[in-house]
PDB file of N, CA and C in Angstrom:
ATOM      1  N   UNK A   1      99.832  12.781 133.983  1.00  0.00           N
ATOM      2  CA  UNK A   1      99.186  11.697 133.268  1.00  0.00           C
ATOM      3  C   UNK A   1      98.168  12.293 132.303  1.00  0.00           C
ATOM      4  N   UNK A   2      98.209  11.827 131.072  1.00  0.00           N
ATOM      5  CA  UNK A   2      97.252  12.245 130.065  1.00  0.00           C
ATOM      6  C   UNK A   2      96.570  11.007 129.497  1.00  0.00           C
ATOM      7  N   UNK A   3      95.295  11.183 129.154  1.00  0.00           N
ATOM      8  CA  UNK A   3      94.527  10.073 128.594  1.00  0.00           C
ATOM      9  C   UNK A   3      94.085  10.415 127.183  1.00  0.00           C
ATOM     10  N   UNK A   4      93.979   9.378 126.383  1.00  0.00           N
ATOM     11  CA  UNK A   4      93.490   9.503 125.017  1.00  0.00           C
ATOM     12  C   UNK A   4      92.456   8.410 124.795  1.00  0.00           C
ATOM     13  N   UNK A   5      91.593   8.643 123.828  1.00  0.00           N
ATOM     14  CA  UNK A   5      90.586   7.660 123.454  1.00  0.00           C
ATOM     15  C   UNK A   5      90.802   7.272 122.002  1.00  0.00           C
ATOM     16  N   UNK A   6      90.750   5.985 121.715  1.00  0.00           N
ATOM     17  CA  UNK A   6      90.830   5.505 120.339  1.00  0.00           C
ATOM     18  C   UNK A   6      89.469   5.753 119.704  1.00  0.00           C
ATOM     19  N   UNK A   7      89.448   6.579 118.647  1.00  0.00           N
ATOM     20  CA  UNK A   7      88.160   6.891 118.021  1.00  0.00           C
ATOM     21  C   UNK A   7      87.964   6.207 116.670  1.00  0.00           C
ATOM     22  N   UNK A   8      89.041   5.697 116.096  1.00  0.00           N
ATOM     23  CA  UNK A   8      88.921   5.003 114.814  1.00  0.00           C
ATOM     24  C   UNK A   8      90.156   4.130 114.611  1.00  0.00           C
ATOM     25  N   UNK A   9      89.971   3.009 113.933  1.00  0.00           N
ATOM     26  CA  UNK A   9      91.083   2.116 113.606  1.00  0.00           C
ATOM     27  C   UNK A   9      91.013   1.825 112.115  1.00  0.00           C
ATOM     28  N   UNK A  10      92.040   2.251 111.387  1.00  0.00           N
ATOM     29  CA  UNK A  10      92.086   2.000 109.950  1.00  0.00           C
ATOM     30  C   UNK A  10      92.134   0.506 109.660  1.00  0.00           C
ATOM     31  N   UNK A  11      91.591   0.110 108.495  1.00  0.00           N
ATOM     32  CA  UNK A  11      91.503  -1.321 108.197  1.00  0.00           C
ATOM     33  C   UNK A  11      92.863  -1.978 107.956  1.00  0.00           C
ATOM     34  N   UNK A  12      93.934  -1.177 107.781  1.00  0.00           N
ATOM     35  CA  UNK A  12      95.288  -1.728 107.638  1.00  0.00           C
ATOM     36  C   UNK A  12      96.205  -1.248 108.764  1.00  0.00           C
ATOM     37  N   UNK A  13      95.629  -0.776 109.853  1.00  0.00           N
ATOM     38  CA  UNK A  13      96.416  -0.192 110.947  1.00  0.00           C
ATOM     39  C   UNK A  13      97.148  -1.235 111.785  1.00  0.00           C
ATOM     40  N   UNK A  14      96.602  -2.420 111.869  1.00  0.00           N
ATOM     41  CA  UNK A  14      97.208  -3.448 112.722  1.00  0.00           C
ATOM     42  C   UNK A  14      97.645  -4.619 111.847  1.00  0.00           C
ATOM     43  N   UNK A  15      98.957  -4.849 111.841  1.00  0.00           N
ATOM     44  CA  UNK A  15      99.554  -5.951 111.093  1.00  0.00           C
ATOM     45  C   UNK A  15     100.383  -6.742 112.100  1.00  0.00           C
ATOM     46  N   UNK A  16      99.936  -7.918 112.446  1.00  0.00           N
ATOM     47  CA  UNK A  16     100.592  -8.689 113.508  1.00  0.00           C
ATOM     48  C   UNK A  16     101.987  -9.183 113.124  1.00  0.00           C
ATOM     49  N   UNK A  17     102.397  -8.967 111.864  1.00  0.00           N
ATOM     50  CA  UNK A  17     103.765  -9.321 111.475  1.00  0.00           C
ATOM     51  C   UNK A  17     104.717  -8.140 111.647  1.00  0.00           C
ATOM     52  N   UNK A  18     104.191  -6.963 111.928  1.00  0.00           N
ATOM     53  CA  UNK A  18     104.995  -5.751 112.139  1.00  0.00           C
ATOM     54  C   UNK A  18     104.766  -5.232 113.553  1.00  0.00           C
ATOM     55  N   UNK A  19     105.826  -4.950 114.302  1.00  0.00           N
ATOM     56  CA  UNK A  19     105.668  -4.483 115.690  1.00  0.00           C
ATOM     57  C   UNK A  19     105.458  -2.971 115.784  1.00  0.00           C
ATOM     58  N   UNK A  20     104.631  -2.413 114.901  1.00  0.00           N
ATOM     59  CA  UNK A  20     104.492  -0.963 114.781  1.00  0.00           C
ATOM     60  C   UNK A  20     103.027  -0.561 114.694  1.00  0.00           C
ATOM     61  N   UNK A  21     102.658   0.474 115.467  1.00  0.00           N
ATOM     62  CA  UNK A  21     101.322   1.063 115.362  1.00  0.00           C
ATOM     63  C   UNK A  21     101.484   2.562 115.164  1.00  0.00           C
ATOM     64  N   UNK A  22     100.798   3.101 114.158  1.00  0.00           N
ATOM     65  CA  UNK A  22     100.830   4.532 113.875  1.00  0.00           C
ATOM     66  C   UNK A  22      99.591   5.192 114.459  1.00  0.00           C
ATOM     67  N   UNK A  23      99.798   6.109 115.381  1.00  0.00           N
ATOM     68  CA  UNK A  23      98.705   6.859 115.987  1.00  0.00           C
ATOM     69  C   UNK A  23      98.716   8.277 115.434  1.00  0.00           C
ATOM     70  N   UNK A  24      97.529   8.795 115.130  1.00  0.00           N
ATOM     71  CA  UNK A  24      97.358  10.171 114.669  1.00  0.00           C
ATOM     72  C   UNK A  24      96.144  10.767 115.356  1.00  0.00           C
ATOM     73  N   UNK A  25      96.075  12.092 115.319  1.00  0.00           N
ATOM     74  CA  UNK A  25      94.892  12.800 115.767  1.00  0.00           C
ATOM     75  C   UNK A  25      93.858  12.822 114.660  1.00  0.00           C
ATOM     76  N   UNK A  26      92.763  13.507 114.914  1.00  0.00           N
ATOM     77  CA  UNK A  26      91.653  13.546 113.958  1.00  0.00           C
ATOM     78  C   UNK A  26      92.002  14.245 112.653  1.00  0.00           C
ATOM     79  N   UNK A  27      93.087  15.002 112.613  1.00  0.00           N
ATOM     80  CA  UNK A  27      93.485  15.712 111.403  1.00  0.00           C
ATOM     81  C   UNK A  27      94.313  14.885 110.442  1.00  0.00           C
ATOM     82  N   UNK A  28      94.369  13.575 110.636  1.00  0.00           N
ATOM     83  CA  UNK A  28      95.164  12.704 109.770  1.00  0.00           C
ATOM     84  C   UNK A  28      94.707  12.842 108.321  1.00  0.00           C
ATOM     85  N   UNK A  29      95.658  12.763 107.393  1.00  0.00           N
ATOM     86  CA  UNK A  29      95.315  12.891 105.979  1.00  0.00           C
ATOM     87  C   UNK A  29      94.563  11.652 105.500  1.00  0.00           C
ATOM     88  N   UNK A  30      93.785  11.846 104.461  1.00  0.00           N
ATOM     89  CA  UNK A  30      92.983  10.765 103.881  1.00  0.00           C
ATOM     90  C   UNK A  30      93.857   9.569 103.509  1.00  0.00           C
ATOM     91  N   UNK A  31      95.028   9.833 102.942  1.00  0.00           N
ATOM     92  CA  UNK A  31      95.909   8.758 102.506  1.00  0.00           C
ATOM     93  C   UNK A  31      96.455   7.894 103.629  1.00  0.00           C
ATOM     94  N   UNK A  32      96.522   8.438 104.836  1.00  0.00           N
ATOM     95  CA  UNK A  32      97.059   7.683 105.977  1.00  0.00           C
ATOM     96  C   UNK A  32      95.983   7.031 106.837  1.00  0.00           C
ATOM     97  N   UNK A  33      94.727   7.410 106.638  1.00  0.00           N
ATOM     98  CA  UNK A  33      93.656   6.929 107.518  1.00  0.00           C
ATOM     99  C   UNK A  33      93.582   5.416 107.622  1.00  0.00           C
ATOM    100  N   UNK A  34      93.724   4.705 106.515  1.00  0.00           N
ATOM    101  CA  UNK A  34      93.577   3.251 106.578  1.00  0.00           C
ATOM    102  C   UNK A  34      94.725   2.569 107.325  1.00  0.00           C
ATOM    103  N   UNK A  35      95.861   3.277 107.494  1.00  0.00           N
ATOM    104  CA  UNK A  35      97.023   2.724 108.199  1.00  0.00           C
ATOM    105  C   UNK A  35      97.138   3.232 109.634  1.00  0.00           C
ATOM    106  N   UNK A  36      96.222   4.089 110.046  1.00  0.00           N
ATOM    107  CA  UNK A  36      96.353   4.792 111.326  1.00  0.00           C
ATOM    108  C   UNK A  36      95.305   4.371 112.348  1.00  0.00           C
ATOM    109  N   UNK A  37      95.714   4.538 113.602  1.00  0.00           N
ATOM    110  CA  UNK A  37      94.787   4.465 114.727  1.00  0.00           C
ATOM    111  C   UNK A  37      94.580   5.912 115.147  1.00  0.00           C
ATOM    112  N   UNK A  38      93.340   6.371 115.110  1.00  0.00           N
ATOM    113  CA  UNK A  38      93.037   7.770 115.403  1.00  0.00           C
ATOM    114  C   UNK A  38      92.741   7.898 116.895  1.00  0.00           C
ATOM    115  N   UNK A  39      93.472   8.810 117.538  1.00  0.00           N
ATOM    116  CA  UNK A  39      93.285   9.038 118.970  1.00  0.00           C
ATOM    117  C   UNK A  39      92.879  10.481 119.220  1.00  0.00           C
ATOM    118  N   UNK A  40      92.185  10.679 120.306  1.00  0.00           N
ATOM    119  CA  UNK A  40      91.818  12.012 120.788  1.00  0.00           C
ATOM    120  C   UNK A  40      92.415  12.140 122.178  1.00  0.00           C
ATOM    121  N   UNK A  41      93.467  12.970 122.306  1.00  0.00           N
ATOM    122  CA  UNK A  41      94.131  13.175 123.591  1.00  0.00           C
ATOM    123  C   UNK A  41      93.420  14.303 124.324  1.00  0.00           C
ATOM    124  N   UNK A  42      93.170  14.110 125.629  1.00  0.00           N
ATOM    125  CA  UNK A  42      92.459  15.120 126.424  1.00  0.00           C
ATOM    126  C   UNK A  42      93.112  16.493 126.305  1.00  0.00           C
ATOM    127  N   UNK A  43      94.411  16.586 126.545  1.00  0.00           N
ATOM    128  CA  UNK A  43      95.137  17.857 126.465  1.00  0.00           C
ATOM    129  C   UNK A  43      96.513  17.583 125.864  1.00  0.00           C
ATOM    130  N   UNK A  44      96.590  17.511 124.526  1.00  0.00           N
ATOM    131  CA  UNK A  44      97.839  17.100 123.883  1.00  0.00           C
ATOM    132  C   UNK A  44      99.053  17.964 124.240  1.00  0.00           C
ATOM    133  N   UNK A  45      98.851  19.229 124.511  1.00  0.00           N
ATOM    134  CA  UNK A  45      99.978  20.116 124.847  1.00  0.00           C
ATOM    135  C   UNK A  45     100.684  19.681 126.129  1.00  0.00           C
ATOM    136  N   UNK A  46     100.006  18.907 126.975  1.00  0.00           N
ATOM    137  CA  UNK A  46     100.586  18.473 128.247  1.00  0.00           C
ATOM    138  C   UNK A  46     101.269  17.106 128.167  1.00  0.00           C
ATOM    139  N   UNK A  47     101.232  16.466 127.001  1.00  0.00           N
ATOM    140  CA  UNK A  47     101.868  15.160 126.866  1.00  0.00           C
ATOM    141  C   UNK A  47     103.380  15.344 126.751  1.00  0.00           C
ATOM    142  N   UNK A  48     104.113  14.662 127.611  1.00  0.00           N
ATOM    143  CA  UNK A  48     105.575  14.635 127.529  1.00  0.00           C
ATOM    144  C   UNK A  48     106.011  13.260 128.007  1.00  0.00           C
ATOM    145  N   UNK A  49     106.510  12.472 127.076  1.00  0.00           N
ATOM    146  CA  UNK A  49     106.919  11.105 127.365  1.00  0.00           C
ATOM    147  C   UNK A  49     108.440  11.054 127.469  1.00  0.00           C
ATOM    148  N   UNK A  50     108.940  10.387 128.497  1.00  0.00           N
ATOM    149  CA  UNK A  50     110.385  10.201 128.671  1.00  0.00           C
ATOM    150  C   UNK A  50     110.667   8.723 128.939  1.00  0.00           C
ATOM    151  N   UNK A  51     111.913   8.339 128.706  1.00  0.00           N
ATOM    152  CA  UNK A  51     112.329   6.965 128.992  1.00  0.00           C
ATOM    153  C   UNK A  51     112.029   6.656 130.461  1.00  0.00           C
ATOM    154  N   UNK A  52     111.449   5.491 130.695  1.00  0.00           N
ATOM    155  CA  UNK A  52     111.067   5.089 132.047  1.00  0.00           C
ATOM    156  C   UNK A  52     109.586   5.261 132.326  1.00  0.00           C
ATOM    157  N   UNK A  53     108.893   6.071 131.498  1.00  0.00           N
ATOM    158  CA  UNK A  53     107.447   6.226 131.649  1.00  0.00           C
ATOM    159  C   UNK A  53     106.745   4.919 131.281  1.00  0.00           C
ATOM    160  N   UNK A  54     105.445   4.888 131.561  1.00  0.00           N
ATOM    161  CA  UNK A  54     104.600   3.762 131.180  1.00  0.00           C
ATOM    162  C   UNK A  54     103.482   4.285 130.293  1.00  0.00           C
ATOM    163  N   UNK A  55     103.078   3.465 129.350  1.00  0.00           N
ATOM    164  CA  UNK A  55     101.918   3.772 128.518  1.00  0.00           C
ATOM    165  C   UNK A  55     100.999   2.562 128.604  1.00  0.00           C
ATOM    166  N   UNK A  56      99.749   2.813 128.967  1.00  0.00           N
ATOM    167  CA  UNK A  56      98.775   1.735 129.107  1.00  0.00           C
ATOM    168  C   UNK A  56      97.802   1.784 127.939  1.00  0.00           C
ATOM    169  N   UNK A  57      97.635   0.648 127.297  1.00  0.00           N
ATOM    170  CA  UNK A  57      96.643   0.476 126.239  1.00  0.00           C
ATOM    171  C   UNK A  57      95.535  -0.342 126.883  1.00  0.00           C
ATOM    172  N   UNK A  58      94.503   0.348 127.361  1.00  0.00           N
ATOM    173  CA  UNK A  58      93.509  -0.335 128.178  1.00  0.00           C
ATOM    174  C   UNK A  58      94.186  -0.785 129.458  1.00  0.00           C
ATOM    175  N   UNK A  59      94.184  -2.080 129.724  1.00  0.00           N
ATOM    176  CA  UNK A  59      94.810  -2.637 130.930  1.00  0.00           C
ATOM    177  C   UNK A  59      96.235  -3.137 130.682  1.00  0.00           C
ATOM    178  N   UNK A  60      96.672  -3.112 129.422  1.00  0.00           N
ATOM    179  CA  UNK A  60      98.013  -3.605 129.088  1.00  0.00           C
ATOM    180  C   UNK A  60      99.032  -2.486 129.273  1.00  0.00           C
ATOM    181  N   UNK A  61     100.023  -2.724 130.127  1.00  0.00           N
ATOM    182  CA  UNK A  61     101.003  -1.689 130.459  1.00  0.00           C
ATOM    183  C   UNK A  61     102.332  -1.981 129.769  1.00  0.00           C
ATOM    184  N   UNK A  62     102.874  -0.939 129.146  1.00  0.00           N
ATOM    185  CA  UNK A  62     104.147  -1.021 128.434  1.00  0.00           C
ATOM    186  C   UNK A  62     105.120  -0.008 129.020  1.00  0.00           C
ATOM    187  N   UNK A  63     106.410  -0.328 128.909  1.00  0.00           N
ATOM    188  CA  UNK A  63     107.467   0.527 129.445  1.00  0.00           C
ATOM    189  C   UNK A  63     108.196   1.220 128.299  1.00  0.00           C
ATOM    190  N   UNK A  64     108.411   2.528 128.432  1.00  0.00           N
ATOM    191  CA  UNK A  64     109.076   3.331 127.407  1.00  0.00           C
ATOM    192  C   UNK A  64     110.585   3.128 127.527  1.00  0.00           C
ATOM    193  N   UNK A  65     111.205   2.665 126.427  1.00  0.00           N
ATOM    194  CA  UNK A  65     112.654   2.448 126.423  1.00  0.00           C
ATOM    195  C   UNK A  65     113.394   3.444 125.539  1.00  0.00           C
ATOM    196  N   UNK A  66     112.663   4.145 124.666  1.00  0.00           N
ATOM    197  CA  UNK A  66     113.278   5.138 123.781  1.00  0.00           C
ATOM    198  C   UNK A  66     112.204   6.119 123.340  1.00  0.00           C
ATOM    199  N   UNK A  67     112.568   7.404 123.286  1.00  0.00           N
ATOM    200  CA  UNK A  67     111.672   8.451 122.789  1.00  0.00           C
ATOM    201  C   UNK A  67     112.423   9.208 121.704  1.00  0.00           C
ATOM    202  N   UNK A  68     111.927   9.169 120.478  1.00  0.00           N
ATOM    203  CA  UNK A  68     112.559   9.864 119.358  1.00  0.00           C
ATOM    204  C   UNK A  68     112.519  11.369 119.541  1.00  0.00           C
ATOM    205  N   UNK A  69     113.435  12.044 118.866  1.00  0.00           N
ATOM    206  CA  UNK A  69     113.583  13.488 119.036  1.00  0.00           C
ATOM    207  C   UNK A  69     112.350  14.291 118.639  1.00  0.00           C
ATOM    208  N   UNK A  70     111.493  13.745 117.774  1.00  0.00           N
ATOM    209  CA  UNK A  70     110.295  14.465 117.338  1.00  0.00           C
ATOM    210  C   UNK A  70     109.011  13.939 117.983  1.00  0.00           C
ATOM    211  N   UNK A  71     109.103  12.881 118.756  1.00  0.00           N
ATOM    212  CA  UNK A  71     107.908  12.196 119.262  1.00  0.00           C
ATOM    213  C   UNK A  71     107.021  13.096 120.114  1.00  0.00           C
ATOM    214  N   UNK A  72     107.582  13.786 121.091  1.00  0.00           N
ATOM    215  CA  UNK A  72     106.750  14.626 121.961  1.00  0.00           C
ATOM    216  C   UNK A  72     106.141  15.796 121.202  1.00  0.00           C
ATOM    217  N   UNK A  73     106.924  16.438 120.351  1.00  0.00           N
ATOM    218  CA  UNK A  73     106.391  17.564 119.577  1.00  0.00           C
ATOM    219  C   UNK A  73     105.236  17.104 118.685  1.00  0.00           C
ATOM    220  N   UNK A  74     105.414  15.959 118.024  1.00  0.00           N
ATOM    221  CA  UNK A  74     104.349  15.442 117.165  1.00  0.00           C
ATOM    222  C   UNK A  74     103.100  15.085 117.967  1.00  0.00           C
ATOM    223  N   UNK A  75     103.280  14.502 119.147  1.00  0.00           N
ATOM    224  CA  UNK A  75     102.126  14.198 120.001  1.00  0.00           C
ATOM    225  C   UNK A  75     101.401  15.474 120.400  1.00  0.00           C
ATOM    226  N   UNK A  76     102.145  16.501 120.767  1.00  0.00           N
ATOM    227  CA  UNK A  76     101.553  17.758 121.223  1.00  0.00           C
ATOM    228  C   UNK A  76     100.872  18.527 120.097  1.00  0.00           C
ATOM    229  N   UNK A  77     101.430  18.462 118.884  1.00  0.00           N
ATOM    230  CA  UNK A  77     100.906  19.273 117.784  1.00  0.00           C
ATOM    231  C   UNK A  77      99.862  18.563 116.929  1.00  0.00           C
ATOM    232  N   UNK A  78     100.090  17.292 116.590  1.00  0.00           N
ATOM    233  CA  UNK A  78      99.155  16.592 115.698  1.00  0.00           C
ATOM    234  C   UNK A  78      98.705  15.234 116.258  1.00  0.00           C
ATOM    235  N   UNK A  79      99.038  14.989 117.520  1.00  0.00           N
ATOM    236  CA  UNK A  79      98.650  13.757 118.208  1.00  0.00           C
ATOM    237  C   UNK A  79      99.177  12.514 117.492  1.00  0.00           C
ATOM    238  N   UNK A  80     100.347  12.656 116.856  1.00  0.00           N
ATOM    239  CA  UNK A  80     100.964  11.557 116.103  1.00  0.00           C
ATOM    240  C   UNK A  80     102.143  10.960 116.848  1.00  0.00           C
ATOM    241  N   UNK A  81     102.221   9.648 116.801  1.00  0.00           N
ATOM    242  CA  UNK A  81     103.396   8.928 117.291  1.00  0.00           C
ATOM    243  C   UNK A  81     103.413   7.553 116.631  1.00  0.00           C
ATOM    244  N   UNK A  82     104.613   7.058 116.398  1.00  0.00           N
ATOM    245  CA  UNK A  82     104.791   5.678 115.950  1.00  0.00           C
ATOM    246  C   UNK A  82     105.221   4.874 117.166  1.00  0.00           C
ATOM    247  N   UNK A  83     104.374   3.971 117.610  1.00  0.00           N
ATOM    248  CA  UNK A  83     104.735   3.096 118.719  1.00  0.00           C
ATOM    249  C   UNK A  83     105.394   1.852 118.134  1.00  0.00           C
ATOM    250  N   UNK A  84     106.612   1.564 118.584  1.00  0.00           N
ATOM    251  CA  UNK A  84     107.333   0.379 118.132  1.00  0.00           C
ATOM    252  C   UNK A  84     107.446  -0.570 119.323  1.00  0.00           C
ATOM    253  N   UNK A  85     106.921  -1.767 119.157  1.00  0.00           N
ATOM    254  CA  UNK A  85     106.898  -2.758 120.231  1.00  0.00           C
ATOM    255  C   UNK A  85     108.058  -3.722 120.016  1.00  0.00           C
ATOM    256  N   UNK A  86     109.247  -3.242 120.383  1.00  0.00           N
ATOM    257  CA  UNK A  86     110.477  -4.006 120.181  1.00  0.00           C
ATOM    258  C   UNK A  86     111.562  -3.431 121.076  1.00  0.00           C
ATOM    259  N   UNK A  87     112.620  -4.208 121.241  1.00  0.00           N
ATOM    260  CA  UNK A  87     113.779  -3.697 121.964  1.00  0.00           C
ATOM    261  C   UNK A  87     114.361  -2.532 121.170  1.00  0.00           C
ATOM    262  N   UNK A  88     114.904  -1.573 121.864  1.00  0.00           N
ATOM    263  CA  UNK A  88     115.493  -0.401 121.217  1.00  0.00           C
ATOM    264  C   UNK A  88     116.716  -0.823 120.406  1.00  0.00           C
ATOM    265  N   UNK A  89     116.737  -0.518 119.090  1.00  0.00           N
ATOM    266  CA  UNK A  89     117.914  -0.867 118.285  1.00  0.00           C
ATOM    267  C   UNK A  89     119.064   0.107 118.563  1.00  0.00           C
ATOM    268  N   UNK A  90     120.259  -0.323 118.241  1.00  0.00           N
ATOM    269  CA  UNK A  90     121.421   0.541 118.452  1.00  0.00           C
ATOM    270  C   UNK A  90     121.506   1.628 117.390  1.00  0.00           C
ATOM    271  N   UNK A  91     120.977   1.377 116.207  1.00  0.00           N
ATOM    272  CA  UNK A  91     120.957   2.387 115.153  1.00  0.00           C
ATOM    273  C   UNK A  91     119.677   2.241 114.337  1.00  0.00           C
ATOM    274  N   UNK A  92     119.380   3.256 113.525  1.00  0.00           N
ATOM    275  CA  UNK A  92     118.192   3.216 112.683  1.00  0.00           C
ATOM    276  C   UNK A  92     116.895   3.490 113.415  1.00  0.00           C
ATOM    277  N   UNK A  93     116.971   4.193 114.537  1.00  0.00           N
ATOM    278  CA  UNK A  93     115.761   4.511 115.306  1.00  0.00           C
ATOM    279  C   UNK A  93     114.951   5.577 114.571  1.00  0.00           C
ATOM    280  N   UNK A  94     113.651   5.489 114.674  1.00  0.00           N
ATOM    281  CA  UNK A  94     112.760   6.453 114.043  1.00  0.00           C
ATOM    282  C   UNK A  94     112.601   7.673 114.944  1.00  0.00           C
ATOM    283  N   UNK A  95     112.801   8.864 114.388  1.00  0.00           N
ATOM    284  CA  UNK A  95     112.741  10.095 115.175  1.00  0.00           C
ATOM    285  C   UNK A  95     111.369  10.426 115.728  1.00  0.00           C
ATOM    286  N   UNK A  96     110.314   9.898 115.106  1.00  0.00           N
ATOM    287  CA  UNK A  96     108.955  10.177 115.590  1.00  0.00           C
ATOM    288  C   UNK A  96     108.408   9.017 116.411  1.00  0.00           C
ATOM    289  N   UNK A  97     109.294   8.115 116.830  1.00  0.00           N
ATOM    290  CA  UNK A  97     108.826   6.897 117.480  1.00  0.00           C
ATOM    291  C   UNK A  97     109.052   6.877 118.981  1.00  0.00           C
ATOM    292  N   UNK A  98     108.273   6.007 119.609  1.00  0.00           N
ATOM    293  CA  UNK A  98     108.465   5.645 121.010  1.00  0.00           C
ATOM    294  C   UNK A  98     108.557   4.121 121.024  1.00  0.00           C
ATOM    295  N   UNK A  99     109.675   3.609 121.542  1.00  0.00           N
ATOM    296  CA  UNK A  99     109.866   2.165 121.653  1.00  0.00           C
ATOM    297  C   UNK A  99     109.333   1.694 122.999  1.00  0.00           C
ATOM    298  N   UNK A 100     108.616   0.567 122.959  1.00  0.00           N
ATOM    299  CA  UNK A 100     107.954   0.040 124.148  1.00  0.00           C
ATOM    300  C   UNK A 100     108.256  -1.443 124.334  1.00  0.00           C
ATOM    301  N   UNK A 101     108.327  -1.850 125.593  1.00  0.00           N
ATOM    302  CA  UNK A 101     108.398  -3.271 125.913  1.00  0.00           C
ATOM    303  C   UNK A 101     107.267  -3.589 126.885  1.00  0.00           C
ATOM    304  N   UNK A 102     106.713  -4.796 126.844  1.00  0.00           N
ATOM    305  CA  UNK A 102     107.193  -5.969 126.137  1.00  0.00           C
ATOM    306  C   UNK A 102     107.016  -5.844 124.623  1.00  0.00           C
ATOM    307  N   UNK A 103     107.743  -6.673 123.889  1.00  0.00           N
ATOM    308  CA  UNK A 103     107.779  -6.615 122.429  1.00  0.00           C
ATOM    309  C   UNK A 103     106.621  -7.402 121.817  1.00  0.00           C
ATOM    310  N   UNK A 104     105.409  -6.971 122.124  1.00  0.00           N
ATOM    311  CA  UNK A 104     104.213  -7.585 121.523  1.00  0.00           C
ATOM    312  C   UNK A 104     103.151  -6.508 121.376  1.00  0.00           C
ATOM    313  N   UNK A 105     102.390  -6.601 120.299  1.00  0.00           N
ATOM    314  CA  UNK A 105     101.334  -5.620 120.065  1.00  0.00           C
ATOM    315  C   UNK A 105     100.240  -5.755 121.118  1.00  0.00           C
ATOM    316  N   UNK A 106      99.725  -4.618 121.596  1.00  0.00           N
ATOM    317  CA  UNK A 106      98.585  -4.685 122.512  1.00  0.00           C
ATOM    318  C   UNK A 106      97.298  -4.936 121.724  1.00  0.00           C
ATOM    319  N   UNK A 107      96.260  -5.321 122.424  1.00  0.00           N
ATOM    320  CA  UNK A 107      94.937  -5.419 121.815  1.00  0.00           C
ATOM    321  C   UNK A 107      94.367  -4.006 121.760  1.00  0.00           C
ATOM    322  N   UNK A 108      93.999  -3.559 120.576  1.00  0.00           N
ATOM    323  CA  UNK A 108      93.483  -2.204 120.382  1.00  0.00           C
ATOM    324  C   UNK A 108      92.029  -2.308 119.945  1.00  0.00           C
ATOM    325  N   UNK A 109      91.171  -1.502 120.548  1.00  0.00           N
ATOM    326  CA  UNK A 109      89.766  -1.486 120.149  1.00  0.00           C
ATOM    327  C   UNK A 109      89.234  -0.057 120.189  1.00  0.00           C
ATOM    328  N   UNK A 110      88.261   0.189 119.350  1.00  0.00           N
ATOM    329  CA  UNK A 110      87.624   1.501 119.292  1.00  0.00           C
ATOM    330  C   UNK A 110      86.999   1.811 120.650  1.00  0.00           C
ATOM    331  N   UNK A 111      87.232   3.033 121.137  1.00  0.00           N
ATOM    332  CA  UNK A 111      86.684   3.460 122.413  1.00  0.00           C
ATOM    333  C   UNK A 111      87.594   3.205 123.602  1.00  0.00           C
ATOM    334  N   UNK A 112      88.665   2.440 123.411  1.00  0.00           N
ATOM    335  CA  UNK A 112      89.556   2.137 124.534  1.00  0.00           C
ATOM    336  C   UNK A 112      90.357   3.364 124.936  1.00  0.00           C
ATOM    337  N   UNK A 113      90.899   3.333 126.152  1.00  0.00           N
ATOM    338  CA  UNK A 113      91.690   4.435 126.692  1.00  0.00           C
ATOM    339  C   UNK A 113      93.172   4.108 126.607  1.00  0.00           C
ATOM    340  N   UNK A 114      93.938   5.095 126.152  1.00  0.00           N
ATOM    341  CA  UNK A 114      95.400   5.042 126.168  1.00  0.00           C
ATOM    342  C   UNK A 114      95.822   6.014 127.266  1.00  0.00           C
ATOM    343  N   UNK A 115      96.657   5.561 128.188  1.00  0.00           N
ATOM    344  CA  UNK A 115      97.092   6.415 129.289  1.00  0.00           C
ATOM    345  C   UNK A 115      98.593   6.630 129.204  1.00  0.00           C
ATOM    346  N   UNK A 116      98.967   7.902 129.084  1.00  0.00           N
ATOM    347  CA  UNK A 116     100.375   8.298 129.064  1.00  0.00           C
ATOM    348  C   UNK A 116     100.749   8.632 130.506  1.00  0.00           C
ATOM    349  N   UNK A 117     101.524   7.747 131.163  1.00  0.00           N
ATOM    350  CA  UNK A 117     101.828   7.884 132.589  1.00  0.00           C
ATOM    351  C   UNK A 117     103.291   8.234 132.804  1.00  0.00           C
ATOM    352  N   UNK A 118     103.532   9.204 133.686  1.00  0.00           N
ATOM    353  CA  UNK A 118     104.919   9.549 134.044  1.00  0.00           C
ATOM    354  C   UNK A 118     105.438   8.538 135.028  1.00  0.00           C
TER     355      UNK A 118
END
């Protein structure tokens, strides 16, 4: 289990019409900051998410239904992942994404804990 803390939320990071949240580490580029949720993972090298895991956004628990081929590497190297809150599509999946259910955005706030649970 690894924990992360939300340290910043870009002013365009949460769009309730899109089931997508972009998480980055503190090294996010200036151009992406307004669209990103900045997280600080305790030990990013130890993060490994697989289908069947749970991810908790504060007290809200989500189930991992798909892990893109680049998702774990991006989490470990730059603390980046695209969380998609939708059923896993049959095609057109994002390689840097993790699909989660239920298909609704969690409440995100600065200082909250994200828990990556096996």
